[in-house]
Amino acid sequence: MINRLRELRTARGWSQGELAGRLGVSRQTVNAIETEKYDPSLPLAFTIAGLFTLAIEDIFRPNGSGAAPVAARPADRGFVD
């Protein structure tokens, strides 16, 4: 999973240790998420998103190895189903 955690953390001027303390995880966990060696659990992803007041999708996105993205519905062309 690709993420913007390092970018968001450094924009706030926080060290990995400071962010880890705010999240209740180890500095090593923050490092592993930032370097994309570890994908956070869903509860941790929600906690991260809440801390930065962003949607999870604004921080994390698939890197192509997971499920296929949901296709957008085609524009209405006036056809009747």
N, C-alpha and C. Protein backbone atom coordinates (compact mmCIF):
# COMPACT_ATOMS: atom_id res chain seq x y z
N MET A 1 0.84 -1.17 0.00
CA MET A 1 0.00 0.00 0.00
C MET A 1 0.90 1.24 0.00
N ILE A 2 0.57 2.15 -0.85
CA ILE A 2 1.31 3.41 -0.94
C ILE A 2 0.68 4.39 0.06
N ASN A 3 1.51 5.20 0.72
CA ASN A 3 0.95 6.13 1.70
C ASN A 3 1.73 7.44 1.74
N ARG A 4 1.10 8.43 2.35
CA ARG A 4 1.68 9.77 2.50
C ARG A 4 2.07 10.06 3.94
N LEU A 5 2.25 9.03 4.74
CA LEU A 5 2.46 9.25 6.17
C LEU A 5 3.71 10.09 6.45
N ARG A 6 4.82 9.78 5.80
CA ARG A 6 6.05 10.56 6.04
C ARG A 6 5.83 12.03 5.69
N GLU A 7 5.20 12.28 4.56
CA GLU A 7 4.93 13.66 4.13
C GLU A 7 4.07 14.40 5.16
N LEU A 8 3.02 13.74 5.63
CA LEU A 8 2.14 14.37 6.61
C LEU A 8 2.84 14.60 7.94
N ARG A 9 3.63 13.62 8.35
CA ARG A 9 4.35 13.72 9.63
C ARG A 9 5.36 14.86 9.59
N THR A 10 6.16 14.92 8.54
CA THR A 10 7.19 15.97 8.47
C THR A 10 6.58 17.36 8.31
N ALA A 11 5.42 17.44 7.66
CA ALA A 11 4.74 18.74 7.53
C ALA A 11 4.33 19.28 8.90
N ARG A 12 4.08 18.39 9.85
CA ARG A 12 3.74 18.79 11.22
C ARG A 12 4.97 18.98 12.09
N GLY A 13 6.13 18.61 11.56
CA GLY A 13 7.36 18.75 12.33
C GLY A 13 7.54 17.69 13.39
N TRP A 14 6.88 16.55 13.22
CA TRP A 14 6.96 15.47 14.20
C TRP A 14 8.02 14.46 13.81
N SER A 15 8.72 13.94 14.78
CA SER A 15 9.62 12.81 14.55
C SER A 15 8.78 11.54 14.47
N GLN A 16 9.40 10.47 14.03
CA GLN A 16 8.69 9.18 14.02
C GLN A 16 8.28 8.80 15.44
N GLY A 17 9.14 9.08 16.40
CA GLY A 17 8.83 8.78 17.79
C GLY A 17 7.63 9.56 18.31
N GLU A 18 7.56 10.84 17.94
CA GLU A 18 6.42 11.66 18.36
C GLU A 18 5.11 11.14 17.76
N LEU A 19 5.15 10.81 16.48
CA LEU A 19 3.95 10.27 15.84
C LEU A 19 3.56 8.94 16.48
N ALA A 20 4.55 8.11 16.73
CA ALA A 20 4.28 6.81 17.36
C ALA A 20 3.59 7.00 18.71
N GLY A 21 4.06 7.95 19.49
CA GLY A 21 3.44 8.22 20.79
C GLY A 21 1.99 8.67 20.66
N ARG A 22 1.71 9.48 19.67
CA ARG A 22 0.35 9.96 19.44
C ARG A 22 -0.57 8.83 18.99
N LEU A 23 0.02 7.84 18.31
CA LEU A 23 -0.77 6.72 17.78
C LEU A 23 -0.82 5.53 18.73
N GLY A 24 0.06 5.52 19.73
CA GLY A 24 0.12 4.40 20.65
C GLY A 24 0.77 3.17 20.06
N VAL A 25 1.73 3.40 19.17
CA VAL A 25 2.49 2.30 18.55
C VAL A 25 3.98 2.59 18.72
N SER A 26 4.83 1.67 18.29
CA SER A 26 6.27 1.89 18.38
C SER A 26 6.78 2.74 17.22
N ARG A 27 7.94 3.34 17.42
CA ARG A 27 8.58 4.09 16.34
C ARG A 27 8.86 3.17 15.17
N GLN A 28 9.21 1.92 15.45
CA GLN A 28 9.49 0.95 14.39
C GLN A 28 8.26 0.69 13.53
N THR A 29 7.08 0.71 14.15
CA THR A 29 5.85 0.54 13.39
C THR A 29 5.63 1.70 12.44
N VAL A 30 5.85 2.91 12.93
CA VAL A 30 5.71 4.10 12.07
C VAL A 30 6.71 4.00 10.91
N ASN A 31 7.94 3.63 11.21
CA ASN A 31 8.94 3.50 10.16
C ASN A 31 8.53 2.45 9.13
N ALA A 32 8.01 1.32 9.59
CA ALA A 32 7.61 0.25 8.68
C ALA A 32 6.44 0.68 7.79
N ILE A 33 5.52 1.46 8.33
CA ILE A 33 4.41 1.96 7.52
C ILE A 33 4.93 2.97 6.50
N GLU A 34 5.77 3.89 6.94
CA GLU A 34 6.30 4.91 6.03
C GLU A 34 7.11 4.31 4.88
N THR A 35 7.83 3.24 5.17
CA THR A 35 8.66 2.62 4.13
C THR A 35 7.91 1.53 3.38
N GLU A 36 6.61 1.43 3.64
CA GLU A 36 5.71 0.51 2.95
C GLU A 36 6.11 -0.95 3.13
N LYS A 37 6.70 -1.25 4.29
CA LYS A 37 7.03 -2.64 4.64
C LYS A 37 5.91 -3.27 5.44
N TYR A 38 4.98 -2.45 5.91
CA TYR A 38 3.88 -2.91 6.76
C TYR A 38 2.65 -2.07 6.45
N ASP A 39 1.53 -2.74 6.25
CA ASP A 39 0.25 -2.04 6.07
C ASP A 39 -0.45 -2.01 7.42
N PRO A 40 -0.92 -0.84 7.84
CA PRO A 40 -1.56 -0.76 9.15
C PRO A 40 -2.89 -1.50 9.16
N SER A 41 -3.29 -1.94 10.34
CA SER A 41 -4.61 -2.53 10.50
C SER A 41 -5.65 -1.45 10.20
N LEU A 42 -6.87 -1.87 9.94
CA LEU A 42 -7.92 -0.89 9.68
C LEU A 42 -8.14 0.04 10.87
N PRO A 43 -8.18 -0.46 12.12
CA PRO A 43 -8.32 0.47 13.24
C PRO A 43 -7.17 1.48 13.33
N LEU A 44 -5.93 1.03 13.05
CA LEU A 44 -4.80 1.96 13.08
C LEU A 44 -4.90 2.96 11.94
N ALA A 45 -5.33 2.52 10.77
CA ALA A 45 -5.51 3.44 9.64
C ALA A 45 -6.54 4.51 9.98
N PHE A 46 -7.64 4.12 10.65
CA PHE A 46 -8.63 5.10 11.07
C PHE A 46 -8.04 6.08 12.09
N THR A 47 -7.22 5.58 13.00
CA THR A 47 -6.58 6.44 14.00
C THR A 47 -5.65 7.44 13.32
N ILE A 48 -4.87 6.96 12.36
CA ILE A 48 -3.96 7.85 11.62
C ILE A 48 -4.77 8.91 10.89
N ALA A 49 -5.82 8.49 10.19
CA ALA A 49 -6.65 9.45 9.45
C ALA A 49 -7.27 10.48 10.39
N GLY A 50 -7.74 10.03 11.54
CA GLY A 50 -8.32 10.96 12.50
C GLY A 50 -7.31 11.95 13.04
N LEU A 51 -6.09 11.49 13.28
CA LEU A 51 -5.04 12.37 13.79
C LEU A 51 -4.74 13.50 12.81
N PHE A 52 -4.75 13.17 11.51
CA PHE A 52 -4.46 14.18 10.49
C PHE A 52 -5.72 14.83 9.92
N THR A 53 -6.87 14.48 10.48
CA THR A 53 -8.18 14.96 10.02
C THR A 53 -8.33 14.83 8.50
N LEU A 54 -8.02 13.63 8.02
CA LEU A 54 -8.15 13.30 6.60
C LEU A 54 -8.91 11.99 6.47
N ALA A 55 -9.43 11.73 5.30
CA ALA A 55 -10.03 10.43 5.01
C ALA A 55 -8.90 9.42 4.80
N ILE A 56 -9.17 8.18 5.11
CA ILE A 56 -8.16 7.13 4.91
C ILE A 56 -7.65 7.16 3.47
N GLU A 57 -8.56 7.36 2.52
CA GLU A 57 -8.18 7.38 1.09
C GLU A 57 -7.23 8.52 0.75
N ASP A 58 -7.20 9.56 1.59
CA ASP A 58 -6.29 10.68 1.36
C ASP A 58 -4.87 10.38 1.84
N ILE A 59 -4.73 9.29 2.59
CA ILE A 59 -3.42 8.91 3.13
C ILE A 59 -2.91 7.62 2.50
N PHE A 60 -3.80 6.67 2.32
CA PHE A 60 -3.41 5.34 1.83
C PHE A 60 -4.10 5.04 0.51
N ARG A 61 -3.37 4.36 -0.39
CA ARG A 61 -3.99 3.88 -1.62
C ARG A 61 -3.30 2.59 -2.05
N PRO A 62 -4.04 1.74 -2.75
CA PRO A 62 -3.45 0.47 -3.18
C PRO A 62 -2.31 0.70 -4.15
N ASN A 63 -1.36 -0.22 -4.16
CA ASN A 63 -0.24 -0.10 -5.09
C ASN A 63 -0.38 -1.06 -6.26
N GLY A 64 -1.58 -1.60 -6.43
CA GLY A 64 -1.82 -2.50 -7.55
C GLY A 64 -1.74 -3.96 -7.20
N SER A 65 -1.27 -4.29 -5.99
CA SER A 65 -1.14 -5.68 -5.63
C SER A 65 -2.39 -6.20 -4.92
N GLY A 66 -3.31 -5.32 -4.60
CA GLY A 66 -4.52 -5.74 -3.89
C GLY A 66 -5.68 -5.91 -4.83
N ALA A 67 -6.85 -5.69 -4.30
CA ALA A 67 -8.06 -5.82 -5.09
C ALA A 67 -8.13 -4.75 -6.16
N ALA A 68 -8.79 -5.08 -7.24
CA ALA A 68 -8.95 -4.12 -8.33
C ALA A 68 -9.84 -2.98 -7.87
N PRO A 69 -9.55 -1.76 -8.32
CA PRO A 69 -10.40 -0.63 -7.94
C PRO A 69 -11.79 -0.79 -8.53
N VAL A 70 -12.76 -0.24 -7.85
CA VAL A 70 -14.13 -0.30 -8.34
C VAL A 70 -14.25 0.63 -9.53
N ALA A 71 -14.79 0.11 -10.62
CA ALA A 71 -14.94 0.92 -11.85
C ALA A 71 -16.05 1.94 -11.65
N ALA A 72 -15.83 3.11 -12.18
CA ALA A 72 -16.85 4.15 -12.11
C ALA A 72 -17.99 3.77 -13.04
N ARG A 73 -19.19 4.14 -12.66
CA ARG A 73 -20.35 3.85 -13.50
C ARG A 73 -20.29 4.71 -14.75
N PRO A 74 -20.53 4.12 -15.90
CA PRO A 74 -20.49 4.91 -17.13
C PRO A 74 -21.54 6.02 -17.10
N ALA A 75 -21.26 7.07 -17.82
CA ALA A 75 -22.20 8.19 -17.89
C ALA A 75 -23.51 7.71 -18.49
N ASP A 76 -24.61 8.29 -18.02
CA ASP A 76 -25.94 7.94 -18.53
C ASP A 76 -26.04 8.40 -19.98
N ARG A 77 -26.37 7.46 -20.83
CA ARG A 77 -26.48 7.78 -22.26
C ARG A 77 -27.92 7.79 -22.73
N GLY A 78 -28.85 7.82 -21.77
CA GLY A 78 -30.25 7.89 -22.12
C GLY A 78 -30.88 6.55 -22.49
N PHE A 79 -30.16 5.46 -22.26
CA PHE A 79 -30.70 4.14 -22.54
C PHE A 79 -31.60 3.70 -21.42
N VAL A 80 -32.58 2.92 -21.75
CA VAL A 80 -33.48 2.36 -20.75
C VAL A 80 -33.06 0.91 -20.52
N ASP A 81 -32.92 0.54 -19.26
CA ASP A 81 -32.54 -0.85 -18.95
C ASP A 81 -33.72 -1.77 -19.08
